[in-house]
Amino acid sequence: MKKQYALALMLAAAVPGAGAMVLSSQGLIPFWAYAAVLIAGFPLFVLGLGLYWMAHEGEADIPFLGY
């Protein structure tokens, strides 16, 4: 996997989480909606972070993260 794809996955999970945090702090969305966005986005963010950390700039591959 290329680093840019892993970074895109991380950002795709982090940006909605940050937006939900701002909207929740301003009282525009309820807390349960903010929590739902975080619960849905956190695993994707961790997966993207792990893939970004393990990815190399050379040939595209899928790194083994372990169990």
Protein backbone atom coordinates (compact mmCIF):
# COMPACT_ATOMS: atom_id res chain seq x y z
CA MET A 1 0.00 0.00 0.00
CA LYS A 2 1.26 3.45 -0.83
CA LYS A 3 1.71 6.01 1.92
CA GLN A 4 -0.60 8.48 0.20
CA TYR A 5 -3.52 6.02 0.31
CA ALA A 6 -2.96 5.28 3.99
CA LEU A 7 -2.75 9.01 4.70
CA ALA A 8 -6.01 9.55 2.81
CA LEU A 9 -7.67 6.85 4.95
CA MET A 10 -6.40 8.53 8.11
CA LEU A 11 -7.66 11.94 7.00
CA ALA A 12 -10.99 10.50 5.88
CA ALA A 13 -11.50 9.32 9.46
CA ALA A 14 -9.95 12.31 11.27
CA VAL A 15 -11.69 15.18 9.46
CA PRO A 16 -15.28 14.09 10.26
CA GLY A 17 -14.21 13.41 13.85
CA ALA A 18 -12.74 16.89 14.22
CA GLY A 19 -15.79 18.42 12.57
CA ALA A 20 -18.12 16.54 14.89
CA MET A 21 -16.05 17.70 17.88
CA VAL A 22 -16.42 21.34 16.83
CA LEU A 23 -20.13 20.98 16.13
CA SER A 24 -20.71 19.22 19.44
CA SER A 25 -18.79 21.84 21.42
CA GLN A 26 -20.96 24.54 19.83
CA GLY A 27 -24.11 22.61 20.64
CA LEU A 28 -25.14 22.10 17.03
CA ILE A 29 -25.26 18.29 17.23
CA PRO A 30 -26.12 16.13 20.24
CA PHE A 31 -23.45 14.24 22.13
CA TRP A 32 -24.68 10.85 20.91
CA ALA A 33 -24.09 11.92 17.28
CA TYR A 34 -20.56 13.05 18.16
CA ALA A 35 -19.92 9.75 19.93
CA ALA A 36 -21.27 7.80 16.94
CA VAL A 37 -18.88 9.59 14.58
CA LEU A 38 -15.94 8.86 16.89
CA ILE A 39 -16.90 5.21 17.34
CA ALA A 40 -17.23 4.74 13.58
CA GLY A 41 -14.07 6.68 12.69
CA PHE A 42 -11.61 5.53 15.32
CA PRO A 43 -10.93 2.03 13.90
CA LEU A 44 -10.40 3.50 10.43
CA PHE A 45 -8.00 6.08 11.84
CA VAL A 46 -5.97 3.44 13.70
CA LEU A 47 -5.89 1.20 10.62
CA GLY A 48 -4.76 4.11 8.44
CA LEU A 49 -2.12 5.11 10.97
CA GLY A 50 -0.74 1.57 11.10
CA LEU A 51 -0.69 1.24 7.33
CA TYR A 52 0.96 4.66 6.96
CA TRP A 53 3.61 3.76 9.50
CA MET A 54 4.39 0.41 7.85
CA ALA A 55 4.14 1.51 4.20
CA HIS A 56 7.23 2.10 2.09
CA GLU A 57 7.64 4.65 -0.66
CA GLY A 58 8.92 2.07 -3.16
CA GLU A 59 6.79 -0.70 -4.57
CA ALA A 60 3.17 -0.99 -3.50
CA ASP A 61 2.45 -3.77 -1.01
CA ILE A 62 0.13 -4.55 1.87
CA PRO A 63 2.18 -4.62 5.08
CA PHE A 64 1.51 -7.22 7.77
CA LEU A 65 0.28 -5.52 10.94
CA GLY A 66 0.05 -8.67 13.08
CA TYR A 67 -2.79 -9.93 15.19
